[in-house]
Amino acid sequence: MTRTRLAACAVLIALGLTACSDDDDDVSTARSTTTEAEASTTAAEETTTTAAGGGGGAEAGAGTVEIVDFRFQPSPLEVDAGTTVTFTNGDETTHTATSTDGPASFDTGEIGGGASGEVTVDEPGTYQYQCGIHPDMLGTIEVG
């Protein structure tokens, strides 16, 4: 979280300084730096898991679960089989999304504040999950 904030502050300062400059090359450099910092942060923070016996099938669509105020939202989430579900942590505290019951198991691993983790739900059915760190945080995914 601290690295992300420092990177964001550095980018904002660079953008602020280039706004005062008449040189277009500086603007391109600042934009390039922003993109590289975002890509580096995203690559370091994301986790991908497949919840099924086989490899990931064709993606049927996208589902998103927001983790906010120690709650998974929405719950239940309704998606098609083969959907990749992204869990985005809006809290500063680290969380997980770990299946407790369902046709297949999944675990995002630890998701730091501001980061995301993904799972692919290939098999139809009801998946119950919780935060492995805060077991009172519960959620459901309905896969059709």
Protein backbone atom coordinates (compact mmCIF):
# COMPACT_ATOMS: atom_id res chain seq x y z
CA MET A 1 0.00 0.00 0.00
CA THR A 2 2.85 2.39 0.87
CA ARG A 3 4.60 1.67 -2.44
CA THR A 4 1.40 2.32 -4.34
CA ARG A 5 0.87 5.63 -2.58
CA LEU A 6 4.50 6.68 -3.13
CA ALA A 7 4.27 5.76 -6.81
CA ALA A 8 1.01 7.70 -7.14
CA CYS A 9 2.53 10.76 -5.42
CA ALA A 10 5.61 10.62 -7.67
CA VAL A 11 3.41 10.44 -10.75
CA LEU A 12 1.26 13.37 -9.60
CA ILE A 13 4.35 15.48 -8.90
CA ALA A 14 5.79 14.62 -12.32
CA LEU A 15 2.51 15.51 -14.01
CA GLY A 16 2.30 18.76 -12.06
CA LEU A 17 5.80 19.77 -13.10
CA THR A 18 5.19 18.94 -16.75
CA ALA A 19 2.01 21.00 -16.71
CA CYS A 20 4.19 24.05 -16.01
CA SER A 21 6.54 23.19 -18.90
CA ASP A 22 6.11 24.11 -22.58
CA ASP A 23 8.10 21.07 -23.74
CA ASP A 24 5.87 18.31 -25.19
CA ASP A 25 8.62 15.69 -24.69
CA ASP A 26 8.29 16.06 -20.92
CA VAL A 27 4.56 15.29 -21.11
CA SER A 28 5.24 12.09 -23.08
CA THR A 29 7.85 11.04 -20.53
CA ALA A 30 5.46 11.66 -17.62
CA ARG A 31 2.71 9.65 -19.32
CA SER A 32 5.14 6.82 -20.04
CA THR A 33 6.31 6.80 -16.42
CA THR A 34 2.70 6.66 -15.21
CA THR A 35 1.91 3.69 -17.45
CA GLU A 36 5.06 1.79 -16.41
CA ALA A 37 4.37 2.40 -12.71
CA GLU A 38 0.75 1.26 -13.06
CA ALA A 39 1.75 -1.86 -15.01
CA SER A 40 4.42 -2.76 -12.46
CA THR A 41 2.02 -2.29 -9.55
CA THR A 42 -0.75 -4.29 -11.24
CA ALA A 43 1.56 -7.19 -12.14
CA ALA A 44 2.88 -7.42 -8.60
CA GLU A 45 -0.53 -7.35 -6.94
CA GLU A 46 -2.76 -9.60 -9.05
CA THR A 47 -3.30 -13.30 -8.42
CA THR A 48 -5.04 -15.72 -10.78
CA THR A 49 -6.60 -19.09 -9.91
CA THR A 50 -8.87 -21.51 -11.78
CA ALA A 51 -11.70 -23.15 -9.80
CA ALA A 52 -12.16 -26.46 -11.60
CA GLY A 53 -10.46 -29.70 -12.44
CA GLY A 54 -9.59 -28.71 -16.02
CA GLY A 55 -7.92 -25.65 -17.45
CA GLY A 56 -9.85 -22.43 -17.82
CA GLY A 57 -12.58 -22.76 -20.40
CA ALA A 58 -13.83 -20.05 -22.69
CA GLU A 59 -14.62 -16.93 -20.73
CA ALA A 60 -18.38 -16.49 -20.60
CA GLY A 61 -18.25 -12.97 -19.21
CA ALA A 62 -16.79 -10.94 -16.41
CA GLY A 63 -17.91 -10.71 -12.82
CA THR A 64 -16.64 -8.29 -10.21
CA VAL A 65 -16.80 -8.46 -6.44
CA GLU A 66 -15.80 -5.36 -4.49
CA ILE A 67 -14.40 -5.81 -0.99
CA VAL A 68 -15.51 -2.75 0.98
CA ASP A 69 -15.89 -2.24 4.74
CA PHE A 70 -15.09 -5.93 5.41
CA ARG A 71 -17.92 -7.10 3.07
CA PHE A 72 -18.07 -8.80 -0.32
CA GLN A 73 -20.37 -6.86 -2.67
CA PRO A 74 -22.50 -8.05 -4.41
CA SER A 75 -23.42 -11.27 -2.70
CA PRO A 76 -24.71 -13.31 -4.28
CA LEU A 77 -22.95 -12.64 -7.58
CA GLU A 78 -24.62 -14.41 -10.53
CA VAL A 79 -22.40 -15.41 -13.48
CA ASP A 80 -22.19 -17.96 -16.29
CA ALA A 81 -19.90 -20.99 -16.15
CA GLY A 82 -16.43 -20.07 -17.41
CA THR A 83 -16.56 -16.55 -15.99
CA THR A 84 -13.47 -14.98 -14.50
CA VAL A 85 -14.45 -13.24 -11.27
CA THR A 86 -12.26 -10.34 -10.14
CA PHE A 87 -12.13 -9.53 -6.43
CA THR A 88 -11.03 -5.91 -5.88
CA ASN A 89 -10.00 -4.93 -2.36
CA GLY A 90 -11.21 -1.42 -1.52
CA ASP A 91 -10.13 -1.78 2.11
CA GLU A 92 -6.67 -0.96 3.45
CA THR A 93 -6.60 -4.36 5.19
CA THR A 94 -5.49 -7.51 3.37
CA HIS A 95 -8.24 -10.03 2.53
CA THR A 96 -8.69 -13.32 0.65
CA ALA A 97 -11.58 -14.95 -1.15
CA THR A 98 -11.42 -18.65 -0.25
CA SER A 99 -14.12 -21.15 -1.17
CA THR A 100 -15.73 -23.09 1.67
CA ASP A 101 -18.33 -25.07 -0.30
CA GLY A 102 -19.22 -25.61 -3.94
CA PRO A 103 -18.54 -27.68 -7.03
CA ALA A 104 -14.82 -26.73 -7.07
CA SER A 105 -12.46 -24.93 -4.72
CA PHE A 106 -10.67 -21.62 -5.20
CA ASP A 107 -8.45 -19.25 -3.25
CA THR A 108 -7.29 -15.85 -4.44
CA GLY A 109 -4.42 -15.78 -1.97
CA GLU A 110 -3.86 -12.58 -0.04
CA ILE A 111 -5.19 -9.44 -1.75
CA GLY A 112 -3.62 -6.26 -0.37
CA GLY A 113 -5.47 -2.97 -0.12
CA GLY A 114 -6.16 -1.54 -3.58
CA ALA A 115 -5.17 -4.80 -5.29
CA SER A 116 -7.18 -7.46 -7.13
CA GLY A 117 -7.26 -11.23 -7.41
CA GLU A 118 -9.08 -13.43 -9.91
CA VAL A 119 -10.67 -16.87 -10.01
CA THR A 120 -12.39 -18.65 -12.88
CA VAL A 121 -15.56 -20.59 -12.04
CA ASP A 122 -15.97 -23.29 -14.67
CA GLU A 123 -18.51 -25.57 -13.03
CA PRO A 124 -22.19 -24.61 -12.51
CA GLY A 125 -23.47 -24.47 -8.94
CA THR A 126 -23.34 -22.40 -5.77
CA TYR A 127 -19.94 -21.40 -4.44
CA GLN A 128 -19.76 -20.25 -0.82
CA TYR A 129 -16.60 -18.37 0.14
CA GLN A 130 -15.09 -16.37 2.99
CA CYS A 131 -12.08 -14.25 3.78
CA GLY A 132 -9.46 -16.62 5.16
CA ILE A 133 -8.16 -13.85 7.42
CA HIS A 134 -11.57 -12.59 8.58
CA PRO A 135 -13.84 -15.68 8.57
CA ASP A 136 -16.96 -13.65 9.38
CA MET A 137 -16.73 -12.11 5.88
CA LEU A 138 -18.93 -14.37 3.74
CA GLY A 139 -20.00 -14.35 0.10
CA THR A 140 -21.76 -16.44 -2.54
CA ILE A 141 -21.31 -16.89 -6.29
CA GLU A 142 -24.16 -18.50 -8.26
CA VAL A 143 -22.82 -20.07 -11.47
CA GLY A 144 -25.35 -21.00 -14.17
